[in-house]
All heavy atoms as atom14 arrays in JSON, in Angstrom:
{
  "sequence": "SLKKDIRTQQEEAVLNNIEFMESVHAKSYSSIFSTLNTPKEID",
  "atom14_mask": [
    [1, 1, 1, 1, 1, 1, 0, 0, 0, 0, 0, 0, 0, 0],
    [1, 1, 1, 1, 1, 1, 1, 1, 0, 0, 0, 0, 0, 0],
    [1, 1, 1, 1, 1, 1, 1, 1, 1, 0, 0, 0, 0, 0],
    [1, 1, 1, 1, 1, 1, 1, 1, 1, 0, 0, 0, 0, 0],
    [1, 1, 1, 1, 1, 1, 1, 1, 0, 0, 0, 0, 0, 0],
    [1, 1, 1, 1, 1, 1, 1, 1, 0, 0, 0, 0, 0, 0],
    [1, 1, 1, 1, 1, 1, 1, 1, 1, 1, 1, 0, 0, 0],
    [1, 1, 1, 1, 1, 1, 1, 0, 0, 0, 0, 0, 0, 0],
    [1, 1, 1, 1, 1, 1, 1, 1, 1, 0, 0, 0, 0, 0],
    [1, 1, 1, 1, 1, 1, 1, 1, 1, 0, 0, 0, 0, 0],
    [1, 1, 1, 1, 1, 1, 1, 1, 1, 0, 0, 0, 0, 0],
    [1, 1, 1, 1, 1, 1, 1, 1, 1, 0, 0, 0, 0, 0],
    [1, 1, 1, 1, 1, 0, 0, 0, 0, 0, 0, 0, 0, 0],
    [1, 1, 1, 1, 1, 1, 1, 0, 0, 0, 0, 0, 0, 0],
    [1, 1, 1, 1, 1, 1, 1, 1, 0, 0, 0, 0, 0, 0],
    [1, 1, 1, 1, 1, 1, 1, 1, 0, 0, 0, 0, 0, 0],
    [1, 1, 1, 1, 1, 1, 1, 1, 0, 0, 0, 0, 0, 0],
    [1, 1, 1, 1, 1, 1, 1, 1, 0, 0, 0, 0, 0, 0],
    [1, 1, 1, 1, 1, 1, 1, 1, 1, 0, 0, 0, 0, 0],
    [1, 1, 1, 1, 1, 1, 1, 1, 1, 1, 1, 0, 0, 0],
    [1, 1, 1, 1, 1, 1, 1, 1, 0, 0, 0, 0, 0, 0],
    [1, 1, 1, 1, 1, 1, 1, 1, 1, 0, 0, 0, 0, 0],
    [1, 1, 1, 1, 1, 1, 0, 0, 0, 0, 0, 0, 0, 0],
    [1, 1, 1, 1, 1, 1, 1, 0, 0, 0, 0, 0, 0, 0],
    [1, 1, 1, 1, 1, 1, 1, 1, 1, 1, 0, 0, 0, 0],
    [1, 1, 1, 1, 1, 0, 0, 0, 0, 0, 0, 0, 0, 0],
    [1, 1, 1, 1, 1, 1, 1, 1, 1, 0, 0, 0, 0, 0],
    [1, 1, 1, 1, 1, 1, 0, 0, 0, 0, 0, 0, 0, 0],
    [1, 1, 1, 1, 1, 1, 1, 1, 1, 1, 1, 1, 0, 0],
    [1, 1, 1, 1, 1, 1, 0, 0, 0, 0, 0, 0, 0, 0],
    [1, 1, 1, 1, 1, 1, 0, 0, 0, 0, 0, 0, 0, 0],
    [1, 1, 1, 1, 1, 1, 1, 1, 0, 0, 0, 0, 0, 0],
    [1, 1, 1, 1, 1, 1, 1, 1, 1, 1, 1, 0, 0, 0],
    [1, 1, 1, 1, 1, 1, 0, 0, 0, 0, 0, 0, 0, 0],
    [1, 1, 1, 1, 1, 1, 1, 0, 0, 0, 0, 0, 0, 0],
    [1, 1, 1, 1, 1, 1, 1, 1, 0, 0, 0, 0, 0, 0],
    [1, 1, 1, 1, 1, 1, 1, 1, 0, 0, 0, 0, 0, 0],
    [1, 1, 1, 1, 1, 1, 1, 0, 0, 0, 0, 0, 0, 0],
    [1, 1, 1, 1, 1, 1, 1, 0, 0, 0, 0, 0, 0, 0],
    [1, 1, 1, 1, 1, 1, 1, 1, 1, 0, 0, 0, 0, 0],
    [1, 1, 1, 1, 1, 1, 1, 1, 1, 0, 0, 0, 0, 0],
    [1, 1, 1, 1, 1, 1, 1, 1, 0, 0, 0, 0, 0, 0],
    [1, 1, 1, 1, 1, 1, 1, 1, 0, 0, 0, 0, 0, 0]
  ],
  "atom14_positions": [
    [[-106.17, 61.53, -27.1], [-106.28, 60.1, -26.75], [-106.81, 59.93, -25.33], [-107.61, 59.03, -25.07], [-104.95, 59.39, -26.91], [-104.05, 59.71, -25.87], [0.0, 0.0, 0.0], [0.0, 0.0, 0.0], [0.0, 0.0, 0.0], [0.0, 0.0, 0.0], [0.0, 0.0, 0.0], [0.0, 0.0, 0.0], [0.0, 0.0, 0.0], [0.0, 0.0, 0.0]],
    [[-106.4, 60.8, -24.41], [-106.87, 60.7, -23.03], [-108.36, 61.06, -22.93], [-109.08, 60.51, -22.09], [-106.06, 61.63, -22.12], [-104.57, 61.34, -21.97], [-103.97, 62.17, -20.84], [-104.28, 59.86, -21.74], [0.0, 0.0, 0.0], [0.0, 0.0, 0.0], [0.0, 0.0, 0.0], [0.0, 0.0, 0.0], [0.0, 0.0, 0.0], [0.0, 0.0, 0.0]],
    [[-108.8, 61.96, -23.77], [-110.2, 62.4, -23.71], [-111.19, 61.31, -24.09], [-112.38, 61.43, -23.8], [-110.41, 63.64, -24.58], [-109.87, 64.92, -23.92], [-110.26, 66.17, -24.71], [-109.37, 66.37, -25.89], [-109.65, 67.69, -26.58], [0.0, 0.0, 0.0], [0.0, 0.0, 0.0], [0.0, 0.0, 0.0], [0.0, 0.0, 0.0], [0.0, 0.0, 0.0]],
    [[-110.71, 60.24, -24.71], [-111.6, 59.13, -25.08], [-112.04, 58.32, -23.86], [-112.98, 57.54, -23.96], [-110.91, 58.22, -26.09], [-110.62, 58.9, -27.42], [-109.83, 57.99, -28.34], [-109.48, 58.68, -29.65], [-108.65, 57.83, -30.55], [0.0, 0.0, 0.0], [0.0, 0.0, 0.0], [0.0, 0.0, 0.0], [0.0, 0.0, 0.0], [0.0, 0.0, 0.0]],
    [[-111.36, 58.5, -22.75], [-111.62, 57.66, -21.57], [-111.77, 58.48, -20.31], [-111.3, 58.1, -19.23], [-110.47, 56.66, -21.39], [-110.22, 55.83, -22.65], [-111.11, 55.02, -22.99], [-109.16, 56.01, -23.28], [0.0, 0.0, 0.0], [0.0, 0.0, 0.0], [0.0, 0.0, 0.0], [0.0, 0.0, 0.0], [0.0, 0.0, 0.0], [0.0, 0.0, 0.0]],
    [[-112.48, 59.6, -20.41], [-112.66, 60.48, -19.26], [-113.62, 59.84, -18.25], [-114.48, 59.06, -18.59], [-113.21, 61.85, -19.68], [-114.5, 61.69, -20.51], [-112.13, 62.63, -20.44], [-115.23, 62.97, -20.77], [0.0, 0.0, 0.0], [0.0, 0.0, 0.0], [0.0, 0.0, 0.0], [0.0, 0.0, 0.0], [0.0, 0.0, 0.0], [0.0, 0.0, 0.0]],
    [[-113.44, 60.21, -17.0], [-114.31, 59.74, -15.93], [-115.42, 60.75, -15.64], [-116.48, 60.37, -15.14], [-113.49, 59.52, -14.64], [-112.39, 58.49, -14.8], [-111.51, 58.41, -13.55], [-112.26, 57.83, -12.43], [-112.21, 56.54, -12.1], [-111.47, 55.69, -12.81], [-112.88, 56.08, -11.08], [0.0, 0.0, 0.0], [0.0, 0.0, 0.0], [0.0, 0.0, 0.0]],
    [[-115.19, 62.03, -15.94], [-116.18, 63.09, -15.7], [-116.16, 64.07, -16.86], [-115.16, 64.18, -17.58], [-115.88, 63.87, -14.41], [-114.66, 64.61, -14.59], [-115.72, 62.92, -13.22], [0.0, 0.0, 0.0], [0.0, 0.0, 0.0], [0.0, 0.0, 0.0], [0.0, 0.0, 0.0], [0.0, 0.0, 0.0], [0.0, 0.0, 0.0], [0.0, 0.0, 0.0]],
    [[-117.26, 64.8, -17.02], [-117.28, 65.86, -18.07], [-116.25, 66.93, -17.75], [-115.62, 67.5, -18.65], [-118.66, 66.48, -18.14], [-119.71, 65.67, -18.88], [-121.01, 66.44, -19.0], [-121.69, 66.68, -17.98], [-121.39, 66.8, -20.2], [0.0, 0.0, 0.0], [0.0, 0.0, 0.0], [0.0, 0.0, 0.0], [0.0, 0.0, 0.0], [0.0, 0.0, 0.0]],
    [[-116.09, 67.23, -16.47], [-115.14, 68.28, -16.11], [-113.72, 67.88, -16.44], [-112.87, 68.71, -16.77], [-115.26, 68.59, -14.6], [-116.53, 69.32, -14.21], [-117.74, 68.4, -14.09], [-117.61, 67.17, -14.1], [-118.94, 68.99, -13.97], [0.0, 0.0, 0.0], [0.0, 0.0, 0.0], [0.0, 0.0, 0.0], [0.0, 0.0, 0.0], [0.0, 0.0, 0.0]],
    [[-113.42, 66.58, -16.38], [-112.09, 66.11, -16.76], [-111.78, 66.45, -18.2], [-110.65, 66.87, -18.56], [-111.97, 64.61, -16.53], [-110.6, 64.07, -16.9], [-110.46, 62.57, -16.72], [-111.36, 61.96, -16.11], [-109.45, 61.99, -17.15], [0.0, 0.0, 0.0], [0.0, 0.0, 0.0], [0.0, 0.0, 0.0], [0.0, 0.0, 0.0], [0.0, 0.0, 0.0]],
    [[-112.77, 66.31, -19.08], [-112.55, 66.66, -20.47], [-112.23, 68.13, -20.63], [-111.37, 68.51, -21.43], [-113.77, 66.29, -21.34], [-113.55, 66.6, -22.81], [-114.55, 65.92, -23.73], [-115.59, 65.44, -23.22], [-114.28, 65.86, -24.93], [0.0, 0.0, 0.0], [0.0, 0.0, 0.0], [0.0, 0.0, 0.0], [0.0, 0.0, 0.0], [0.0, 0.0, 0.0]],
    [[-112.9, 68.98, -19.84], [-112.62, 70.41, -19.9], [-111.18, 70.69, -19.46], [-110.48, 71.53, -20.08], [-113.61, 71.18, -19.02], [0.0, 0.0, 0.0], [0.0, 0.0, 0.0], [0.0, 0.0, 0.0], [0.0, 0.0, 0.0], [0.0, 0.0, 0.0], [0.0, 0.0, 0.0], [0.0, 0.0, 0.0], [0.0, 0.0, 0.0], [0.0, 0.0, 0.0]],
    [[-110.73, 70.02, -18.42], [-109.35, 70.19, -17.96], [-108.37, 69.74, -19.05], [-107.39, 70.42, -19.33], [-109.12, 69.44, -16.65], [-107.64, 69.47, -16.25], [-109.97, 70.01, -15.52], [0.0, 0.0, 0.0], [0.0, 0.0, 0.0], [0.0, 0.0, 0.0], [0.0, 0.0, 0.0], [0.0, 0.0, 0.0], [0.0, 0.0, 0.0], [0.0, 0.0, 0.0]],
    [[-108.65, 68.62, -19.66], [-107.77, 68.11, -20.73], [-107.76, 69.04, -21.94], [-106.73, 69.2, -22.61], [-108.16, 66.71, -21.12], [-107.98, 65.64, -20.04], [-108.5, 64.28, -20.53], [-106.54, 65.5, -19.59], [0.0, 0.0, 0.0], [0.0, 0.0, 0.0], [0.0, 0.0, 0.0], [0.0, 0.0, 0.0], [0.0, 0.0, 0.0], [0.0, 0.0, 0.0]],
    [[-108.9, 69.68, -22.21], [-108.92, 70.69, -23.28], [-107.97, 71.84, -22.96], [-107.26, 72.35, -23.84], [-110.33, 71.24, -23.44], [-111.27, 70.29, -24.15], [-110.84, 69.38, -24.86], [-112.57, 70.46, -23.95], [0.0, 0.0, 0.0], [0.0, 0.0, 0.0], [0.0, 0.0, 0.0], [0.0, 0.0, 0.0], [0.0, 0.0, 0.0], [0.0, 0.0, 0.0]],
    [[-107.98, 72.26, -21.7], [-107.08, 73.34, -21.29], [-105.64, 72.9, -21.44], [-104.79, 73.64, -21.96], [-107.39, 73.69, -19.83], [-106.55, 74.85, -19.31], [-105.33, 74.76, -19.25], [-107.2, 75.93, -18.91], [0.0, 0.0, 0.0], [0.0, 0.0, 0.0], [0.0, 0.0, 0.0], [0.0, 0.0, 0.0], [0.0, 0.0, 0.0], [0.0, 0.0, 0.0]],
    [[-105.32, 71.69, -20.98], [-103.96, 71.17, -21.1], [-103.54, 71.08, -22.56], [-102.42, 71.45, -22.93], [-103.86, 69.8, -20.41], [-104.04, 69.95, -18.89], [-102.5, 69.13, -20.72], [-104.09, 68.63, -18.14], [0.0, 0.0, 0.0], [0.0, 0.0, 0.0], [0.0, 0.0, 0.0], [0.0, 0.0, 0.0], [0.0, 0.0, 0.0], [0.0, 0.0, 0.0]],
    [[-104.45, 70.63, -23.42], [-104.14, 70.48, -24.84], [-103.78, 71.84, -25.45], [-102.8, 71.95, -26.2], [-105.38, 69.92, -25.55], [-105.18, 69.62, -27.01], [-106.39, 68.92, -27.6], [-107.52, 69.42, -27.42], [-106.22, 67.84, -28.19], [0.0, 0.0, 0.0], [0.0, 0.0, 0.0], [0.0, 0.0, 0.0], [0.0, 0.0, 0.0], [0.0, 0.0, 0.0]],
    [[-104.53, 72.88, -25.1], [-104.21, 74.2, -25.62], [-102.84, 74.68, -25.12], [-102.03, 75.2, -25.89], [-105.29, 75.21, -25.23], [-104.94, 76.62, -25.59], [-104.97, 77.03, -26.91], [-104.56, 77.54, -24.61], [-104.62, 78.34, -27.25], [-104.22, 78.84, -24.94], [-104.26, 79.24, -26.28], [0.0, 0.0, 0.0], [0.0, 0.0, 0.0], [0.0, 0.0, 0.0]],
    [[-102.6, 74.5, -23.82], [-101.33, 75.0, -23.29], [-100.13, 74.22, -23.87], [-99.05, 74.79, -24.0], [-101.33, 74.92, -21.77], [-102.23, 75.98, -21.12], [-102.02, 77.67, -21.75], [-100.29, 78.01, -21.32], [0.0, 0.0, 0.0], [0.0, 0.0, 0.0], [0.0, 0.0, 0.0], [0.0, 0.0, 0.0], [0.0, 0.0, 0.0], [0.0, 0.0, 0.0]],
    [[-100.32, 72.95, -24.2], [-99.22, 72.23, -24.87], [-98.92, 72.86, -26.24], [-97.77, 72.9, -26.66], [-99.55, 70.75, -25.04], [-99.73, 69.99, -23.75], [-98.46, 69.84, -22.91], [-97.39, 70.26, -23.38], [-98.53, 69.31, -21.8], [0.0, 0.0, 0.0], [0.0, 0.0, 0.0], [0.0, 0.0, 0.0], [0.0, 0.0, 0.0], [0.0, 0.0, 0.0]],
    [[-99.95, 73.35, -26.91], [-99.72, 74.08, -28.17], [-98.99, 75.38, -27.92], [-98.13, 75.79, -28.72], [-101.07, 74.34, -28.87], [-101.68, 73.14, -29.29], [0.0, 0.0, 0.0], [0.0, 0.0, 0.0], [0.0, 0.0, 0.0], [0.0, 0.0, 0.0], [0.0, 0.0, 0.0], [0.0, 0.0, 0.0], [0.0, 0.0, 0.0], [0.0, 0.0, 0.0]],
    [[-99.33, 76.07, -26.83], [-98.6, 77.29, -26.45], [-97.14, 76.97, -26.19], [-96.24, 77.69, -26.63], [-99.25, 77.95, -25.21], [-98.37, 79.1, -24.69], [-100.63, 78.46, -25.52], [0.0, 0.0, 0.0], [0.0, 0.0, 0.0], [0.0, 0.0, 0.0], [0.0, 0.0, 0.0], [0.0, 0.0, 0.0], [0.0, 0.0, 0.0], [0.0, 0.0, 0.0]],
    [[-96.89, 75.87, -25.5], [-95.51, 75.47, -25.22], [-94.74, 75.25, -26.53], [-93.63, 75.75, -26.7], [-95.47, 74.19, -24.39], [-96.12, 74.3, -23.05], [-96.31, 73.2, -22.24], [-96.63, 75.35, -22.39], [-96.91, 73.59, -21.12], [-97.12, 74.88, -21.19], [0.0, 0.0, 0.0], [0.0, 0.0, 0.0], [0.0, 0.0, 0.0], [0.0, 0.0, 0.0]],
    [[-95.34, 74.49, -27.45], [-94.66, 74.21, -28.71], [-94.38, 75.48, -29.49], [-93.31, 75.64, -30.07], [-95.52, 73.24, -29.54], [0.0, 0.0, 0.0], [0.0, 0.0, 0.0], [0.0, 0.0, 0.0], [0.0, 0.0, 0.0], [0.0, 0.0, 0.0], [0.0, 0.0, 0.0], [0.0, 0.0, 0.0], [0.0, 0.0, 0.0], [0.0, 0.0, 0.0]],
    [[-95.33, 76.4, -29.48], [-95.12, 77.67, -30.19], [-94.03, 78.51, -29.52], [-93.3, 79.23, -30.2], [-96.42, 78.47, -30.24], [-96.27, 79.82, -30.94], [-97.53, 80.65, -30.9], [-97.3, 82.03, -31.51], [-96.3, 82.81, -30.71], [0.0, 0.0, 0.0], [0.0, 0.0, 0.0], [0.0, 0.0, 0.0], [0.0, 0.0, 0.0], [0.0, 0.0, 0.0]],
    [[-93.91, 78.39, -28.21], [-92.93, 79.21, -27.49], [-91.52, 78.93, -27.98], [-90.69, 79.85, -28.06], [-93.01, 78.9, -25.99], [-94.27, 79.25, -25.46], [0.0, 0.0, 0.0], [0.0, 0.0, 0.0], [0.0, 0.0, 0.0], [0.0, 0.0, 0.0], [0.0, 0.0, 0.0], [0.0, 0.0, 0.0], [0.0, 0.0, 0.0], [0.0, 0.0, 0.0]],
    [[-91.24, 77.68, -28.3], [-89.91, 77.36, -28.79], [-89.62, 78.02, -30.14], [-88.5, 78.45, -30.4], [-89.71, 75.84, -28.88], [-89.95, 75.15, -27.56], [-90.91, 74.15, -27.43], [-89.19, 75.49, -26.45], [-91.15, 73.52, -26.21], [-89.41, 74.86, -25.21], [-90.39, 73.89, -25.11], [-90.6, 73.27, -23.9], [0.0, 0.0, 0.0], [0.0, 0.0, 0.0]],
    [[-90.65, 78.13, -30.95], [-90.48, 78.86, -32.22], [-90.2, 80.32, -31.98], [-89.46, 80.95, -32.74], [-91.74, 78.67, -33.09], [-91.81, 77.36, -33.61], [0.0, 0.0, 0.0], [0.0, 0.0, 0.0], [0.0, 0.0, 0.0], [0.0, 0.0, 0.0], [0.0, 0.0, 0.0], [0.0, 0.0, 0.0], [0.0, 0.0, 0.0], [0.0, 0.0, 0.0]],
    [[-90.83, 80.89, -30.94], [-90.53, 82.28, -30.59], [-89.07, 82.44, -30.19], [-88.41, 83.44, -30.52], [-91.43, 82.76, -29.46], [-92.79, 82.79, -29.88], [0.0, 0.0, 0.0], [0.0, 0.0, 0.0], [0.0, 0.0, 0.0], [0.0, 0.0, 0.0], [0.0, 0.0, 0.0], [0.0, 0.0, 0.0], [0.0, 0.0, 0.0], [0.0, 0.0, 0.0]],
    [[-88.56, 81.46, -29.46], [-87.14, 81.49, -29.07], [-86.26, 81.41, -30.31], [-85.32, 82.18, -30.5], [-86.83, 80.33, -28.08], [-87.55, 80.57, -26.77], [-85.32, 80.22, -27.85], [-87.49, 79.38, -25.82], [0.0, 0.0, 0.0], [0.0, 0.0, 0.0], [0.0, 0.0, 0.0], [0.0, 0.0, 0.0], [0.0, 0.0, 0.0], [0.0, 0.0, 0.0]],
    [[-86.6, 80.45, -31.19], [-85.8, 80.3, -32.43], [-85.81, 81.58, -33.26], [-84.78, 82.02, -33.77], [-86.35, 79.16, -33.29], [-86.16, 77.79, -32.69], [-87.14, 76.83, -32.83], [-85.0, 77.46, -32.01], [-86.99, 75.56, -32.29], [-84.82, 76.19, -31.45], [-85.83, 75.23, -31.59], [0.0, 0.0, 0.0], [0.0, 0.0, 0.0], [0.0, 0.0, 0.0]],
    [[-86.98, 82.19, -33.42], [-87.08, 83.36, -34.29], [-86.31, 84.53, -33.71], [-85.9, 85.45, -34.45], [-88.56, 83.74, -34.51], [-89.15, 84.18, -33.29], [0.0, 0.0, 0.0], [0.0, 0.0, 0.0], [0.0, 0.0, 0.0], [0.0, 0.0, 0.0], [0.0, 0.0, 0.0], [0.0, 0.0, 0.0], [0.0, 0.0, 0.0], [0.0, 0.0, 0.0]],
    [[-86.09, 84.53, -32.39], [-85.32, 85.6, -31.76], [-83.82, 85.36, -31.86], [-83.04, 86.26, -32.14], [-85.7, 85.71, -30.26], [-87.11, 85.96, -30.17], [-84.95, 86.84, -29.58], [0.0, 0.0, 0.0], [0.0, 0.0, 0.0], [0.0, 0.0, 0.0], [0.0, 0.0, 0.0], [0.0, 0.0, 0.0], [0.0, 0.0, 0.0], [0.0, 0.0, 0.0]],
    [[-83.4, 84.11, -31.66], [-81.97, 83.81, -31.55], [-81.34, 83.3, -32.82], [-80.11, 83.4, -32.98], [-81.78, 82.73, -30.45], [-82.3, 83.06, -29.05], [-81.99, 81.9, -28.11], [-81.76, 84.37, -28.51], [0.0, 0.0, 0.0], [0.0, 0.0, 0.0], [0.0, 0.0, 0.0], [0.0, 0.0, 0.0], [0.0, 0.0, 0.0], [0.0, 0.0, 0.0]],
    [[-82.13, 82.78, -33.76], [-81.57, 82.1, -34.92], [-81.96, 82.7, -36.26], [-82.99, 83.36, -36.36], [-82.0, 80.62, -34.92], [-81.58, 79.88, -33.67], [-82.37, 79.73, -32.73], [-80.34, 79.42, -33.63], [0.0, 0.0, 0.0], [0.0, 0.0, 0.0], [0.0, 0.0, 0.0], [0.0, 0.0, 0.0], [0.0, 0.0, 0.0], [0.0, 0.0, 0.0]],
    [[-81.13, 82.45, -37.26], [-81.46, 82.87, -38.61], [-82.46, 81.86, -39.22], [-82.58, 80.74, -38.74], [-80.2, 82.88, -39.49], [-79.73, 81.53, -39.64], [-79.1, 83.74, -38.86], [0.0, 0.0, 0.0], [0.0, 0.0, 0.0], [0.0, 0.0, 0.0], [0.0, 0.0, 0.0], [0.0, 0.0, 0.0], [0.0, 0.0, 0.0], [0.0, 0.0, 0.0]],
    [[-83.16, 82.25, -40.28], [-84.08, 81.3, -40.93], [-83.4, 80.01, -41.35], [-83.97, 78.92, -41.2], [-84.6, 82.07, -42.14], [-84.54, 83.51, -41.69], [-83.28, 83.61, -40.86], [0.0, 0.0, 0.0], [0.0, 0.0, 0.0], [0.0, 0.0, 0.0], [0.0, 0.0, 0.0], [0.0, 0.0, 0.0], [0.0, 0.0, 0.0], [0.0, 0.0, 0.0]],
    [[-82.18, 80.08, -41.87], [-81.45, 78.86, -42.25], [-81.17, 77.99, -41.05], [-81.3, 76.76, -41.11], [-80.14, 79.26, -42.96], [-79.2, 78.09, -43.28], [-79.83, 77.1, -44.25], [-78.82, 76.12, -44.83], [-78.2, 75.26, -43.81], [0.0, 0.0, 0.0], [0.0, 0.0, 0.0], [0.0, 0.0, 0.0], [0.0, 0.0, 0.0], [0.0, 0.0, 0.0]],
    [[-80.77, 78.62, -39.96], [-80.5, 77.85, -38.75], [-81.75, 77.18, -38.22], [-81.72, 76.01, -37.76], [-79.92, 78.76, -37.65], [-78.49, 79.21, -37.92], [-78.03, 80.29, -36.99], [-78.88, 80.94, -36.33], [-76.8, 80.51, -36.89], [0.0, 0.0, 0.0], [0.0, 0.0, 0.0], [0.0, 0.0, 0.0], [0.0, 0.0, 0.0], [0.0, 0.0, 0.0]],
    [[-82.88, 77.85, -38.3], [-84.15, 77.29, -37.85], [-84.51, 76.07, -38.71], [-84.93, 75.03, -38.18], [-85.27, 78.34, -37.9], [-84.99, 79.44, -36.89], [-86.63, 77.71, -37.62], [-85.9, 80.66, -37.01], [0.0, 0.0, 0.0], [0.0, 0.0, 0.0], [0.0, 0.0, 0.0], [0.0, 0.0, 0.0], [0.0, 0.0, 0.0], [0.0, 0.0, 0.0]],
    [[-84.35, 76.19, -40.03], [-84.61, 75.05, -40.91], [-83.73, 73.86, -40.55], [-84.21, 72.72, -40.52], [-84.36, 75.44, -42.36], [-85.42, 76.37, -42.92], [-86.5, 76.47, -42.29], [-85.17, 77.01, -43.97], [0.0, 0.0, 0.0], [0.0, 0.0, 0.0], [0.0, 0.0, 0.0], [0.0, 0.0, 0.0], [0.0, 0.0, 0.0], [0.0, 0.0, 0.0]]
  ]
}
């Protein structure tokens, strides 16, 4: 949504980077769950 209103082309590149790292963050919690919890607990 933020990329629809960029001020510079470089800003879009920065937001692309942020978007990817937010996906890394979300996945990281699943890595924590898979280490500490059973499949039933995760569900």
